[in-house]
Amino acid sequence: MNSGRNESEIRQLLESLLAGEQSIDAAARQLAQQSSTTTSIDSDAEVRLDVGRQTRSGFPEVVYAPGKTNEQIVSAFRMLQAADQNCLATRCETEQAEAILSEFPEAIHHPAARTVRIQRHFEQTGRVAVVTAGTSDRPVALEAIETLTWMNIQNDLFIDVGVAGPQRFLAVKDELADCDAVVVVAGMEGALPSMVAGWLSCPVVAVPTSVGYGASFSGVAALLSMLNSCASNVTVVNIDAGFKGGFVAGLIASNCHRASSD
């Protein structure tokens, strides 16, 4: 953005603020976005981290651990820390997690979720529930929970609420109705998201898992079932993608809260 255009846009922003056309919070966000460019990158010899992503997209870059060395992951965490941003690494092996903890003792490792995170900011907002069809879906659900915690979104986990025992869902549906979004994690035939969505007015983010016998095709059967859901408020992410399910739901909750505060 050239300086002339930047000055003109700032002037328009200030005029709209003085005219009462937008709130101080909205103006501050717009100003921050104008000052952030795609060159907001911290880097070393092997890692180029997008430290401007939080300004543009609402949340920092996440470190996907597979294929990275321990030092590359630690280096990325150093950059996030220097930018005063929450840190999250997903799909961490034990050795990778130990390397992070050695450098950052305050980091939180969740072995079942395969995540490591560092919270620098703790004020929570919104509310998202994560529901699993079975206990076998729990690791994927925990990745979603850890993601939501990293995003500073209030969250609750409901385990083993599958369609084979519908009374289990009925016992918790009133709690789910108070949420901004619900993540539903299911393998086998993948029927649970449609049932949950039929009882709720909020978005339901369906996460198919690879749990199941032969004809489940490692989650493809659940994925296709969810993609063909008759419930209009169901959207679907990739197989075993607990991070993506949690992130999308967290973004919905964050924006709901922001809209209500503007």
Protein backbone atom coordinates (compact mmCIF):
# COMPACT_ATOMS: atom_id res chain seq x y z
CA MET A 1 0.00 0.00 0.00
CA ASN A 2 1.53 3.39 -1.01
CA SER A 3 1.69 6.27 1.48
CA GLY A 4 -0.86 8.41 -0.39
CA ARG A 5 -3.46 5.69 -0.40
CA ASN A 6 -2.66 4.85 3.21
CA GLU A 7 -3.21 8.47 4.31
CA SER A 8 -6.48 8.68 2.37
CA GLU A 9 -7.83 5.47 3.91
CA ILE A 10 -6.86 6.56 7.42
CA ARG A 11 -8.62 9.89 6.85
CA GLN A 12 -11.78 8.08 5.70
CA LEU A 13 -11.58 5.83 8.72
CA LEU A 14 -11.30 8.75 11.14
CA GLU A 15 -14.17 10.58 9.45
CA SER A 16 -16.44 7.55 9.75
CA LEU A 17 -15.46 7.21 13.40
CA LEU A 18 -16.25 10.87 14.12
CA ALA A 19 -19.57 10.51 12.29
CA GLY A 20 -20.50 7.59 14.52
CA GLU A 21 -20.70 5.22 11.56
CA GLN A 22 -18.54 2.58 13.27
CA SER A 23 -17.31 1.74 16.75
CA ILE A 24 -13.85 2.36 18.17
CA ASP A 25 -13.20 -1.42 18.23
CA ALA A 26 -14.15 -1.79 14.56
CA ALA A 27 -11.97 1.18 13.59
CA ALA A 28 -9.02 -0.23 15.55
CA ARG A 29 -9.33 -3.57 13.73
CA GLN A 30 -9.48 -1.87 10.35
CA LEU A 31 -6.44 0.26 11.15
CA ALA A 32 -4.49 -2.81 12.26
CA GLN A 33 -5.40 -4.62 9.04
CA GLN A 34 -4.25 -1.66 6.96
CA SER A 35 -0.88 -1.65 8.71
CA SER A 36 -0.37 -5.41 8.27
CA THR A 37 1.05 -6.59 4.96
CA THR A 38 2.06 -9.94 3.53
CA THR A 39 5.68 -9.07 4.41
CA SER A 40 4.93 -9.42 8.14
CA ILE A 41 7.25 -12.41 8.36
CA ASP A 42 9.84 -13.51 10.91
CA SER A 43 12.41 -15.94 9.57
CA ASP A 44 15.67 -17.74 10.09
CA ALA A 45 17.63 -20.06 7.82
CA GLU A 46 14.85 -22.68 7.66
CA VAL A 47 11.61 -21.19 9.04
CA ARG A 48 9.57 -18.28 7.65
CA LEU A 49 6.71 -17.57 10.04
CA ASP A 50 3.72 -15.42 9.13
CA VAL A 51 3.56 -13.30 12.29
CA GLY A 52 1.09 -10.94 10.61
CA ARG A 53 -1.55 -13.64 10.28
CA GLN A 54 -3.18 -12.83 13.62
CA THR A 55 -3.83 -9.26 12.47
CA ARG A 56 -5.23 -10.34 9.10
CA SER A 57 -7.07 -13.51 10.06
CA GLY A 58 -7.74 -13.25 13.78
CA PHE A 59 -5.40 -15.99 15.02
CA PRO A 60 -1.68 -16.79 14.75
CA GLU A 61 -0.05 -19.30 12.44
CA VAL A 62 -0.14 -22.89 13.73
CA VAL A 63 2.88 -25.18 13.51
CA TYR A 64 2.15 -28.51 11.79
CA ALA A 65 4.81 -30.78 13.28
CA PRO A 66 5.08 -33.72 10.82
CA GLY A 67 8.07 -33.34 8.52
CA LYS A 68 9.73 -30.70 10.69
CA THR A 69 12.84 -31.10 12.81
CA ASN A 70 12.77 -30.38 16.53
CA GLU A 71 14.81 -27.21 16.00
CA GLN A 72 12.47 -25.94 13.28
CA ILE A 73 9.47 -26.31 15.57
CA VAL A 74 11.27 -24.67 18.50
CA SER A 75 12.39 -21.83 16.21
CA ALA A 76 8.79 -21.22 15.13
CA PHE A 77 7.70 -21.09 18.77
CA ARG A 78 10.46 -18.56 19.51
CA MET A 79 9.12 -16.31 16.75
CA LEU A 80 5.54 -16.60 18.00
CA GLN A 81 6.70 -15.81 21.53
CA ALA A 82 8.62 -12.77 20.30
CA ALA A 83 5.42 -11.55 18.62
CA ASP A 84 3.47 -12.06 21.89
CA GLN A 85 1.18 -14.64 20.29
CA ASN A 86 -0.28 -17.90 21.57
CA CYS A 87 1.61 -20.94 20.23
CA LEU A 88 0.19 -24.23 18.97
CA ALA A 89 1.86 -27.23 17.36
CA THR A 90 -0.28 -30.10 16.09
CA ARG A 91 0.44 -33.78 15.37
CA CYS A 92 3.53 -33.76 17.58
CA GLU A 93 5.55 -36.88 18.21
CA THR A 94 6.81 -37.39 21.77
CA GLU A 95 10.37 -36.39 20.83
CA GLN A 96 9.14 -33.14 19.24
CA ALA A 97 7.02 -32.31 22.28
CA GLU A 98 9.96 -32.94 24.61
CA ALA A 99 12.13 -30.57 22.57
CA ILE A 100 9.53 -27.80 22.92
CA LEU A 101 9.14 -28.43 26.65
CA SER A 102 12.91 -28.33 27.11
CA GLU A 103 13.00 -24.83 25.61
CA PHE A 104 9.65 -23.66 27.03
CA PRO A 105 8.86 -25.36 30.37
CA GLU A 106 5.55 -23.48 30.55
CA ALA A 107 4.29 -25.25 27.41
CA ILE A 108 1.39 -27.68 27.76
CA HIS A 109 1.72 -31.07 26.06
CA HIS A 110 -1.42 -33.13 25.50
CA PRO A 111 -0.20 -36.59 24.39
CA ALA A 112 -3.63 -37.91 23.35
CA ALA A 113 -4.35 -34.83 21.24
CA ARG A 114 -0.73 -34.77 20.00
CA THR A 115 -0.56 -31.02 20.59
CA VAL A 116 1.75 -28.62 22.38
CA ARG A 117 0.62 -25.07 23.14
CA ILE A 118 1.72 -21.98 25.03
CA GLN A 119 -0.90 -19.53 26.23
CA ARG A 120 0.22 -15.91 26.48
CA HIS A 121 -3.34 -14.57 26.59
CA PHE A 122 -6.08 -16.10 28.73
CA GLU A 123 -9.30 -14.07 28.41
CA GLN A 124 -11.90 -16.44 26.98
CA THR A 125 -14.87 -15.63 24.79
CA GLY A 126 -17.71 -17.46 23.04
CA ARG A 127 -18.62 -21.07 23.67
CA VAL A 128 -18.16 -24.21 21.58
CA ALA A 129 -19.06 -27.80 22.44
CA VAL A 130 -17.19 -30.79 21.04
CA VAL A 131 -19.23 -34.00 20.86
CA THR A 132 -17.98 -37.48 19.99
CA ALA A 133 -19.97 -40.44 18.75
CA GLY A 134 -17.71 -42.91 20.55
CA THR A 135 -14.77 -43.05 22.92
CA SER A 136 -12.57 -44.13 19.99
CA ASP A 137 -13.14 -40.69 18.45
CA ARG A 138 -11.68 -39.00 21.53
CA PRO A 139 -8.14 -38.23 20.20
CA VAL A 140 -9.57 -36.25 17.28
CA ALA A 141 -11.99 -34.47 19.61
CA LEU A 142 -9.15 -33.57 21.97
CA GLU A 143 -7.24 -31.97 19.11
CA ALA A 144 -10.32 -29.78 18.57
CA ILE A 145 -10.50 -28.98 22.30
CA GLU A 146 -6.83 -28.00 22.45
CA THR A 147 -7.29 -25.83 19.38
CA LEU A 148 -10.25 -24.03 20.95
CA THR A 149 -8.30 -23.52 24.18
CA TRP A 150 -5.41 -22.02 22.19
CA MET A 151 -7.96 -19.69 20.53
CA ASN A 152 -9.24 -18.60 23.97
CA ILE A 153 -12.70 -19.99 23.24
CA GLN A 154 -14.68 -21.50 26.13
CA ASN A 155 -15.25 -25.18 25.37
CA ASP A 156 -16.89 -28.33 26.70
CA LEU A 157 -16.31 -31.96 25.73
CA PHE A 158 -19.11 -34.53 25.55
CA ILE A 159 -17.84 -38.08 24.99
CA ASP A 160 -19.73 -41.12 23.66
CA VAL A 161 -23.01 -39.58 22.50
CA GLY A 162 -23.49 -41.81 19.44
CA VAL A 163 -26.75 -42.60 17.65
CA ALA A 164 -26.91 -46.16 19.00
CA GLY A 165 -27.94 -44.64 22.35
CA PRO A 166 -30.03 -41.56 21.49
CA GLN A 167 -30.91 -40.97 25.13
CA ARG A 168 -27.29 -39.92 25.69
CA PHE A 169 -27.67 -37.05 23.26
CA LEU A 170 -31.05 -36.01 24.65
CA ALA A 171 -29.44 -35.72 28.09
CA VAL A 172 -27.01 -33.02 26.85
CA LYS A 173 -28.88 -31.27 24.03
CA ASP A 174 -29.96 -28.33 26.20
CA GLU A 175 -26.32 -27.59 27.02
CA LEU A 176 -25.44 -27.72 23.32
CA ALA A 177 -28.23 -25.29 22.49
CA ASP A 178 -26.39 -22.53 24.39
CA CYS A 179 -23.29 -22.79 22.17
CA ASP A 180 -22.19 -20.56 19.30
CA ALA A 181 -21.17 -23.66 17.34
CA VAL A 182 -20.87 -27.40 17.93
CA VAL A 183 -18.16 -29.73 16.64
CA VAL A 184 -19.35 -33.30 16.11
CA VAL A 185 -16.67 -35.98 15.75
CA ALA A 186 -17.80 -39.37 14.43
CA GLY A 187 -16.54 -42.41 12.56
CA MET A 188 -18.38 -45.57 11.45
CA GLU A 189 -21.38 -44.44 9.33
CA GLY A 190 -21.06 -40.79 10.41
CA ALA A 191 -24.72 -40.28 11.28
CA LEU A 192 -24.33 -38.25 14.47
CA PRO A 193 -23.81 -34.73 13.00
CA SER A 194 -27.14 -34.86 11.17
CA MET A 195 -29.00 -35.92 14.29
CA VAL A 196 -27.32 -33.25 16.42
CA ALA A 197 -27.93 -30.54 13.82
CA GLY A 198 -31.63 -31.36 13.67
CA TRP A 199 -31.99 -30.25 17.29
CA LEU A 200 -29.88 -27.07 17.14
CA SER A 201 -30.01 -23.63 15.53
CA CYS A 202 -26.23 -23.07 15.54
CA PRO A 203 -23.64 -24.22 12.97
CA VAL A 204 -22.52 -27.84 13.34
CA VAL A 205 -18.99 -28.62 12.16
CA ALA A 206 -18.76 -32.31 11.34
CA VAL A 207 -15.41 -34.10 11.64
CA PRO A 208 -15.33 -37.62 10.16
CA THR A 209 -12.84 -40.00 11.73
CA SER A 210 -11.06 -43.08 10.43
CA VAL A 211 -12.68 -45.19 13.18
CA GLY A 212 -14.58 -48.18 11.81
CA TYR A 213 -14.45 -51.57 10.12
CA GLY A 214 -13.49 -52.39 6.52
CA ALA A 215 -16.36 -50.77 4.62
CA SER A 216 -15.83 -47.52 6.49
CA PHE A 217 -12.82 -47.09 4.17
CA SER A 218 -10.76 -45.31 6.86
CA GLY A 219 -13.30 -42.52 7.27
CA VAL A 220 -14.47 -42.08 3.68
CA ALA A 221 -17.89 -43.57 4.47
CA ALA A 222 -18.40 -41.11 7.34
CA LEU A 223 -17.13 -38.23 5.20
CA LEU A 224 -19.59 -38.97 2.38
CA SER A 225 -22.46 -39.39 4.84
CA MET A 226 -21.72 -36.01 6.41
CA LEU A 227 -21.31 -34.29 3.03
CA ASN A 228 -24.76 -35.56 2.08
CA SER A 229 -26.42 -34.47 5.33
CA CYS A 230 -30.01 -33.32 4.99
CA ALA A 231 -29.49 -30.90 7.91
CA SER A 232 -28.81 -27.45 6.47
CA ASN A 233 -26.59 -26.30 9.34
CA VAL A 234 -23.95 -29.04 8.88
CA THR A 235 -20.59 -28.27 7.30
CA VAL A 236 -17.78 -30.80 7.00
CA VAL A 237 -13.99 -30.81 7.33
CA ASN A 238 -11.39 -33.43 6.44
CA ILE A 239 -11.05 -36.92 7.94
CA ASP A 240 -9.48 -36.87 11.44
CA ALA A 241 -9.09 -33.07 11.14
CA GLY A 242 -9.76 -32.15 14.76
CA PHE A 243 -7.71 -28.98 14.39
CA LYS A 244 -9.70 -27.75 11.41
CA GLY A 245 -13.04 -28.57 13.05
CA GLY A 246 -12.06 -26.76 16.23
CA PHE A 247 -10.64 -23.78 14.36
CA VAL A 248 -13.71 -23.24 12.17
CA ALA A 249 -16.05 -23.50 15.17
CA GLY A 250 -13.80 -21.20 17.20
CA LEU A 251 -13.76 -18.63 14.42
CA ILE A 252 -17.57 -18.68 14.33
CA ALA A 253 -17.75 -18.21 18.11
CA SER A 254 -15.16 -15.43 18.06
CA ASN A 255 -17.00 -13.52 15.34
CA CYS A 256 -20.36 -13.99 17.08
CA HIS A 257 -18.92 -12.45 20.24
CA ARG A 258 -17.22 -9.64 18.32
CA ALA A 259 -20.42 -8.76 16.45
CA SER A 260 -22.39 -8.60 19.70
CA SER A 261 -19.80 -6.29 21.28
CA ASP A 262 -19.59 -3.83 18.36
